[in-house]
Amino acid sequence: MYSRNQYLKVLRERYLKASTRKEKPQLLDEYCGNTDQARKYVIRKIQPRVDLRPMQRKRRPEVYDGRLKQL
């Protein structure tokens, strides 16, 4: 996952600098071919406002009282 995000970061820079409409689909095809990810998913991930860091999971609050933790 980490290496895929690194690759996406490099591709994102190239994608945003691409000036013609012929270059952008070629970059998407390259990435989709190398990672086997869906094209629409890659288009959403390549947007400049998307953060590539993994999201933190929400932890449930603890419901135990102090007596149970001492055992």
PDB file of N, CA and C in Angstrom:
ATOM      1  N   MET A   1       0.833  -1.192   0.000  1.00  0.00           N
ATOM      2  CA  MET A   1       0.000   0.000   0.000  1.00  0.00           C
ATOM      3  C   MET A   1       0.874   1.250   0.000  1.00  0.00           C
ATOM      4  N   TYR A   2       1.942   1.211   0.786  1.00  0.00           N
ATOM      5  CA  TYR A   2       2.821   2.377   0.885  1.00  0.00           C
ATOM      6  C   TYR A   2       3.481   2.657  -0.465  1.00  0.00           C
ATOM      7  N   SER A   3       3.976   1.619  -1.124  1.00  0.00           N
ATOM      8  CA  SER A   3       4.640   1.822  -2.412  1.00  0.00           C
ATOM      9  C   SER A   3       3.636   2.271  -3.475  1.00  0.00           C
ATOM     10  N   ARG A   4       2.397   1.792  -3.379  1.00  0.00           N
ATOM     11  CA  ARG A   4       1.372   2.220  -4.328  1.00  0.00           C
ATOM     12  C   ARG A   4       1.065   3.707  -4.155  1.00  0.00           C
ATOM     13  N   ASN A   5       1.028   4.169  -2.900  1.00  0.00           N
ATOM     14  CA  ASN A   5       0.786   5.591  -2.656  1.00  0.00           C
ATOM     15  C   ASN A   5       1.966   6.437  -3.108  1.00  0.00           C
ATOM     16  N   GLN A   6       3.184   5.929  -2.971  1.00  0.00           N
ATOM     17  CA  GLN A   6       4.342   6.661  -3.484  1.00  0.00           C
ATOM     18  C   GLN A   6       4.251   6.795  -4.998  1.00  0.00           C
ATOM     19  N   TYR A   7       3.897   5.703  -5.658  1.00  0.00           N
ATOM     20  CA  TYR A   7       3.751   5.719  -7.110  1.00  0.00           C
ATOM     21  C   TYR A   7       2.642   6.678  -7.522  1.00  0.00           C
ATOM     22  N   LEU A   8       1.551   6.693  -6.782  1.00  0.00           N
ATOM     23  CA  LEU A   8       0.450   7.598  -7.094  1.00  0.00           C
ATOM     24  C   LEU A   8       0.864   9.046  -6.895  1.00  0.00           C
ATOM     25  N   LYS A   9       1.691   9.316  -5.899  1.00  0.00           N
ATOM     26  CA  LYS A   9       2.159  10.680  -5.664  1.00  0.00           C
ATOM     27  C   LYS A   9       2.991  11.183  -6.840  1.00  0.00           C
ATOM     28  N   VAL A  10       3.866  10.326  -7.361  1.00  0.00           N
ATOM     29  CA  VAL A  10       4.686  10.695  -8.514  1.00  0.00           C
ATOM     30  C   VAL A  10       3.805  10.879  -9.743  1.00  0.00           C
ATOM     31  N   LEU A  11       2.867   9.967  -9.921  1.00  0.00           N
ATOM     32  CA  LEU A  11       1.972  10.060 -11.075  1.00  0.00           C
ATOM     33  C   LEU A  11       1.083  11.289 -10.982  1.00  0.00           C
ATOM     34  N   ARG A  12       0.654  11.647  -9.781  1.00  0.00           N
ATOM     35  CA  ARG A  12      -0.195  12.826  -9.592  1.00  0.00           C
ATOM     36  C   ARG A  12       0.513  14.086 -10.070  1.00  0.00           C
ATOM     37  N   GLU A  13       1.800  14.212  -9.747  1.00  0.00           N
ATOM     38  CA  GLU A  13       2.568  15.377 -10.202  1.00  0.00           C
ATOM     39  C   GLU A  13       2.630  15.423 -11.720  1.00  0.00           C
ATOM     40  N   ARG A  14       2.893  14.273 -12.339  1.00  0.00           N
ATOM     41  CA  ARG A  14       2.948  14.222 -13.803  1.00  0.00           C
ATOM     42  C   ARG A  14       1.578  14.513 -14.408  1.00  0.00           C
ATOM     43  N   TYR A  15       0.519  13.995 -13.779  1.00  0.00           N
ATOM     44  CA  TYR A  15      -0.839  14.171 -14.284  1.00  0.00           C
ATOM     45  C   TYR A  15      -1.263  15.629 -14.231  1.00  0.00           C
ATOM     46  N   LEU A  16      -0.946  16.303 -13.128  1.00  0.00           N
ATOM     47  CA  LEU A  16      -1.351  17.701 -12.995  1.00  0.00           C
ATOM     48  C   LEU A  16      -0.541  18.624 -13.894  1.00  0.00           C
ATOM     49  N   LYS A  17       0.669  18.224 -14.245  1.00  0.00           N
ATOM     50  CA  LYS A  17       1.490  19.019 -15.155  1.00  0.00           C
ATOM     51  C   LYS A  17       1.173  18.745 -16.614  1.00  0.00           C
ATOM     52  N   ALA A  18       0.486  17.651 -16.901  1.00  0.00           N
ATOM     53  CA  ALA A  18       0.156  17.292 -18.280  1.00  0.00           C
ATOM     54  C   ALA A  18      -0.763  18.349 -18.868  1.00  0.00           C
ATOM     55  N   SER A  19      -0.402  18.811 -20.049  1.00  0.00           N
ATOM     56  CA  SER A  19      -1.156  19.915 -20.628  1.00  0.00           C
ATOM     57  C   SER A  19      -2.189  19.449 -21.651  1.00  0.00           C
ATOM     58  N   THR A  20      -1.940  18.336 -22.309  1.00  0.00           N
ATOM     59  CA  THR A  20      -2.877  17.912 -23.351  1.00  0.00           C
ATOM     60  C   THR A  20      -3.806  16.823 -22.835  1.00  0.00           C
ATOM     61  N   ARG A  21      -4.899  16.659 -23.532  1.00  0.00           N
ATOM     62  CA  ARG A  21      -5.880  15.646 -23.145  1.00  0.00           C
ATOM     63  C   ARG A  21      -5.444  14.251 -23.570  1.00  0.00           C
ATOM     64  N   LYS A  22      -4.396  14.166 -24.381  1.00  0.00           N
ATOM     65  CA  LYS A  22      -3.886  12.860 -24.786  1.00  0.00           C
ATOM     66  C   LYS A  22      -2.969  12.273 -23.728  1.00  0.00           C
ATOM     67  N   GLU A  23      -2.286  13.120 -23.001  1.00  0.00           N
ATOM     68  CA  GLU A  23      -1.328  12.645 -21.998  1.00  0.00           C
ATOM     69  C   GLU A  23      -2.034  12.074 -20.771  1.00  0.00           C
ATOM     70  N   LYS A  24      -3.088  12.707 -20.327  1.00  0.00           N
ATOM     71  CA  LYS A  24      -3.749  12.296 -19.089  1.00  0.00           C
ATOM     72  C   LYS A  24      -4.328  10.880 -19.154  1.00  0.00           C
ATOM     73  N   PRO A  25      -5.047  10.511 -20.207  1.00  0.00           N
ATOM     74  CA  PRO A  25      -5.538   9.125 -20.261  1.00  0.00           C
ATOM     75  C   PRO A  25      -4.408   8.100 -20.343  1.00  0.00           C
ATOM     76  N   GLN A  26      -3.302   8.469 -20.985  1.00  0.00           N
ATOM     77  CA  GLN A  26      -2.174   7.544 -21.048  1.00  0.00           C
ATOM     78  C   GLN A  26      -1.593   7.301 -19.663  1.00  0.00           C
ATOM     79  N   LEU A  27      -1.503   8.360 -18.854  1.00  0.00           N
ATOM     80  CA  LEU A  27      -1.002   8.206 -17.494  1.00  0.00           C
ATOM     81  C   LEU A  27      -1.945   7.347 -16.656  1.00  0.00           C
ATOM     82  N   LEU A  28      -3.250   7.553 -16.831  1.00  0.00           N
ATOM     83  CA  LEU A  28      -4.228   6.739 -16.102  1.00  0.00           C
ATOM     84  C   LEU A  28      -4.149   5.273 -16.523  1.00  0.00           C
ATOM     85  N   ASP A  29      -3.999   5.026 -17.828  1.00  0.00           N
ATOM     86  CA  ASP A  29      -3.879   3.657 -18.316  1.00  0.00           C
ATOM     87  C   ASP A  29      -2.632   2.986 -17.751  1.00  0.00           C
ATOM     88  N   GLU A  30      -1.542   3.732 -17.693  1.00  0.00           N
ATOM     89  CA  GLU A  30      -0.295   3.194 -17.153  1.00  0.00           C
ATOM     90  C   GLU A  30      -0.482   2.771 -15.696  1.00  0.00           C
ATOM     91  N   TYR A  31      -1.075   3.651 -14.905  1.00  0.00           N
ATOM     92  CA  TYR A  31      -1.258   3.355 -13.485  1.00  0.00           C
ATOM     93  C   TYR A  31      -2.224   2.190 -13.279  1.00  0.00           C
ATOM     94  N   CYS A  32      -3.333   2.198 -14.004  1.00  0.00           N
ATOM     95  CA  CYS A  32      -4.322   1.127 -13.859  1.00  0.00           C
ATOM     96  C   CYS A  32      -3.735  -0.215 -14.304  1.00  0.00           C
ATOM     97  N   GLY A  33      -2.911  -0.204 -15.319  1.00  0.00           N
ATOM     98  CA  GLY A  33      -2.284  -1.440 -15.780  1.00  0.00           C
ATOM     99  C   GLY A  33      -1.280  -1.979 -14.783  1.00  0.00           C
ATOM    100  N   ASN A  34      -0.551  -1.101 -14.116  1.00  0.00           N
ATOM    101  CA  ASN A  34       0.475  -1.540 -13.174  1.00  0.00           C
ATOM    102  C   ASN A  34      -0.091  -1.964 -11.829  1.00  0.00           C
ATOM    103  N   THR A  35      -1.190  -1.366 -11.400  1.00  0.00           N
ATOM    104  CA  THR A  35      -1.708  -1.643 -10.053  1.00  0.00           C
ATOM    105  C   THR A  35      -3.014  -2.425 -10.045  1.00  0.00           C
ATOM    106  N   ASP A  36      -3.639  -2.631 -11.184  1.00  0.00           N
ATOM    107  CA  ASP A  36      -4.924  -3.344 -11.286  1.00  0.00           C
ATOM    108  C   ASP A  36      -6.017  -2.671 -10.461  1.00  0.00           C
ATOM    109  N   GLN A  37      -5.983  -1.365 -10.376  1.00  0.00           N
ATOM    110  CA  GLN A  37      -7.045  -0.623  -9.699  1.00  0.00           C
ATOM    111  C   GLN A  37      -8.020  -0.084 -10.733  1.00  0.00           C
ATOM    112  N   ALA A  38      -9.243   0.166 -10.304  1.00  0.00           N
ATOM    113  CA  ALA A  38     -10.277   0.674 -11.204  1.00  0.00           C
ATOM    114  C   ALA A  38      -9.962   2.104 -11.609  1.00  0.00           C
ATOM    115  N   ARG A  39     -10.304   2.429 -12.824  1.00  0.00           N
ATOM    116  CA  ARG A  39      -9.985   3.741 -13.386  1.00  0.00           C
ATOM    117  C   ARG A  39     -10.672   4.875 -12.632  1.00  0.00           C
ATOM    118  N   LYS A  40     -11.948   4.706 -12.304  1.00  0.00           N
ATOM    119  CA  LYS A  40     -12.679   5.759 -11.579  1.00  0.00           C
ATOM    120  C   LYS A  40     -12.086   5.977 -10.192  1.00  0.00           C
ATOM    121  N   TYR A  41     -11.649   4.921  -9.554  1.00  0.00           N
ATOM    122  CA  TYR A  41     -11.019   5.040  -8.238  1.00  0.00           C
ATOM    123  C   TYR A  41      -9.733   5.855  -8.348  1.00  0.00           C
ATOM    124  N   VAL A  42      -8.954   5.598  -9.375  1.00  0.00           N
ATOM    125  CA  VAL A  42      -7.690   6.320  -9.574  1.00  0.00           C
ATOM    126  C   VAL A  42      -7.962   7.784  -9.883  1.00  0.00           C
ATOM    127  N   ILE A  43      -8.985   8.062 -10.659  1.00  0.00           N
ATOM    128  CA  ILE A  43      -9.318   9.451 -10.985  1.00  0.00           C
ATOM    129  C   ILE A  43      -9.661  10.219  -9.714  1.00  0.00           C
ATOM    130  N   ARG A  44     -10.395   9.576  -8.798  1.00  0.00           N
ATOM    131  CA  ARG A  44     -10.726  10.246  -7.530  1.00  0.00           C
ATOM    132  C   ARG A  44      -9.499  10.437  -6.663  1.00  0.00           C
ATOM    133  N   LYS A  45      -8.596   9.455  -6.647  1.00  0.00           N
ATOM    134  CA  LYS A  45      -7.403   9.541  -5.810  1.00  0.00           C
ATOM    135  C   LYS A  45      -6.376  10.531  -6.354  1.00  0.00           C
ATOM    136  N   ILE A  46      -6.409  10.806  -7.648  1.00  0.00           N
ATOM    137  CA  ILE A  46      -5.399  11.651  -8.271  1.00  0.00           C
ATOM    138  C   ILE A  46      -5.736  13.139  -8.142  1.00  0.00           C
ATOM    139  N   GLN A  47      -6.935  13.450  -7.670  1.00  0.00           N
ATOM    140  CA  GLN A  47      -7.333  14.845  -7.494  1.00  0.00           C
ATOM    141  C   GLN A  47      -6.382  15.539  -6.524  1.00  0.00           C
ATOM    142  N   PRO A  48      -6.087  16.813  -6.725  1.00  0.00           N
ATOM    143  CA  PRO A  48      -5.113  17.495  -5.865  1.00  0.00           C
ATOM    144  C   PRO A  48      -5.580  17.696  -4.427  1.00  0.00           C
ATOM    145  N   ARG A  49      -6.860  17.648  -4.168  1.00  0.00           N
ATOM    146  CA  ARG A  49      -7.355  17.918  -2.814  1.00  0.00           C
ATOM    147  C   ARG A  49      -7.465  16.653  -1.966  1.00  0.00           C
ATOM    148  N   VAL A  50      -7.144  15.479  -2.516  1.00  0.00           N
ATOM    149  CA  VAL A  50      -7.275  14.211  -1.805  1.00  0.00           C
ATOM    150  C   VAL A  50      -5.991  13.932  -1.032  1.00  0.00           C
ATOM    151  N   ASP A  51      -6.146  13.538   0.222  1.00  0.00           N
ATOM    152  CA  ASP A  51      -5.006  13.195   1.063  1.00  0.00           C
ATOM    153  C   ASP A  51      -4.710  11.704   0.913  1.00  0.00           C
ATOM    154  N   LEU A  52      -3.449  11.342   0.689  1.00  0.00           N
ATOM    155  CA  LEU A  52      -3.080   9.957   0.445  1.00  0.00           C
ATOM    156  C   LEU A  52      -2.752   9.186   1.718  1.00  0.00           C
ATOM    157  N   ARG A  53      -2.699   9.860   2.839  1.00  0.00           N
ATOM    158  CA  ARG A  53      -2.399   9.154   4.085  1.00  0.00           C
ATOM    159  C   ARG A  53      -3.579   8.288   4.487  1.00  0.00           C
ATOM    160  N   PRO A  54      -3.322   7.109   5.051  1.00  0.00           N
ATOM    161  CA  PRO A  54      -4.439   6.263   5.481  1.00  0.00           C
ATOM    162  C   PRO A  54      -5.195   6.908   6.639  1.00  0.00           C
ATOM    163  N   MET A  55      -6.499   6.705   6.651  1.00  0.00           N
ATOM    164  CA  MET A  55      -7.336   7.297   7.687  1.00  0.00           C
ATOM    165  C   MET A  55      -7.203   6.506   8.984  1.00  0.00           C
ATOM    166  N   GLN A  56      -7.276   7.209  10.109  1.00  0.00           N
ATOM    167  CA  GLN A  56      -7.253   6.560  11.413  1.00  0.00           C
ATOM    168  C   GLN A  56      -8.633   5.997  11.710  1.00  0.00           C
ATOM    169  N   ARG A  57      -8.661   4.802  12.262  1.00  0.00           N
ATOM    170  CA  ARG A  57      -9.944   4.209  12.619  1.00  0.00           C
ATOM    171  C   ARG A  57     -10.450   4.798  13.921  1.00  0.00           C
ATOM    172  N   LYS A  58     -11.751   4.938  14.011  1.00  0.00           N
ATOM    173  CA  LYS A  58     -12.359   5.456  15.225  1.00  0.00           C
ATOM    174  C   LYS A  58     -12.418   4.340  16.254  1.00  0.00           C
ATOM    175  N   ARG A  59     -11.913   4.612  17.439  1.00  0.00           N
ATOM    176  CA  ARG A  59     -11.914   3.606  18.497  1.00  0.00           C
ATOM    177  C   ARG A  59     -13.184   3.716  19.327  1.00  0.00           C
ATOM    178  N   ARG A  60     -13.680   2.584  19.754  1.00  0.00           N
ATOM    179  CA  ARG A  60     -14.855   2.575  20.609  1.00  0.00           C
ATOM    180  C   ARG A  60     -14.456   2.976  22.027  1.00  0.00           C
ATOM    181  N   PRO A  61     -15.345   3.653  22.724  1.00  0.00           N
ATOM    182  CA  PRO A  61     -15.020   4.002  24.117  1.00  0.00           C
ATOM    183  C   PRO A  61     -15.036   2.749  24.996  1.00  0.00           C
ATOM    184  N   GLU A  62     -14.176   2.745  26.014  1.00  0.00           N
ATOM    185  CA  GLU A  62     -14.127   1.602  26.919  1.00  0.00           C
ATOM    186  C   GLU A  62     -15.318   1.678  27.881  1.00  0.00           C
ATOM    187  N   VAL A  63     -15.949   0.550  28.111  1.00  0.00           N
ATOM    188  CA  VAL A  63     -17.132   0.523  28.974  1.00  0.00           C
ATOM    189  C   VAL A  63     -16.870  -0.219  30.279  1.00  0.00           C
ATOM    190  N   TYR A  64     -15.643  -0.662  30.528  1.00  0.00           N
ATOM    191  CA  TYR A  64     -15.333  -1.404  31.743  1.00  0.00           C
ATOM    192  C   TYR A  64     -15.065  -0.456  32.887  1.00  0.00           C
ATOM    193  N   ASP A  65     -15.409  -0.894  34.090  1.00  0.00           N
ATOM    194  CA  ASP A  65     -15.096  -0.082  35.261  1.00  0.00           C
ATOM    195  C   ASP A  65     -13.709  -0.489  35.794  1.00  0.00           C
ATOM    196  N   GLY A  66     -13.233   0.165  36.808  1.00  0.00           N
ATOM    197  CA  GLY A  66     -11.902  -0.050  37.320  1.00  0.00           C
ATOM    198  C   GLY A  66     -11.663  -1.427  37.909  1.00  0.00           C
ATOM    199  N   ARG A  67     -12.690  -2.076  38.450  1.00  0.00           N
ATOM    200  CA  ARG A  67     -12.506  -3.387  39.072  1.00  0.00           C
ATOM    201  C   ARG A  67     -12.055  -4.441  38.072  1.00  0.00           C
ATOM    202  N   LEU A  68     -12.618  -4.437  36.903  1.00  0.00           N
ATOM    203  CA  LEU A  68     -12.283  -5.445  35.916  1.00  0.00           C
ATOM    204  C   LEU A  68     -10.865  -5.272  35.370  1.00  0.00           C
ATOM    205  N   LYS A  69     -10.382  -4.079  35.321  1.00  0.00           N
ATOM    206  CA  LYS A  69      -9.042  -3.850  34.783  1.00  0.00           C
ATOM    207  C   LYS A  69      -7.966  -4.299  35.755  1.00  0.00           C
ATOM    208  N   GLN A  70      -8.237  -4.327  37.052  1.00  0.00           N
ATOM    209  CA  GLN A  70      -7.233  -4.724  38.030  1.00  0.00           C
ATOM    210  C   GLN A  70      -6.960  -6.214  37.971  1.00  0.00           C
ATOM    211  N   LEU A  71      -7.885  -7.014  37.545  1.00  0.00           N
ATOM    212  CA  LEU A  71      -7.700  -8.463  37.498  1.00  0.00           C
ATOM    213  C   LEU A  71      -6.804  -8.773  36.364  1.00  0.00           C
TER     214      LEU A  71
END
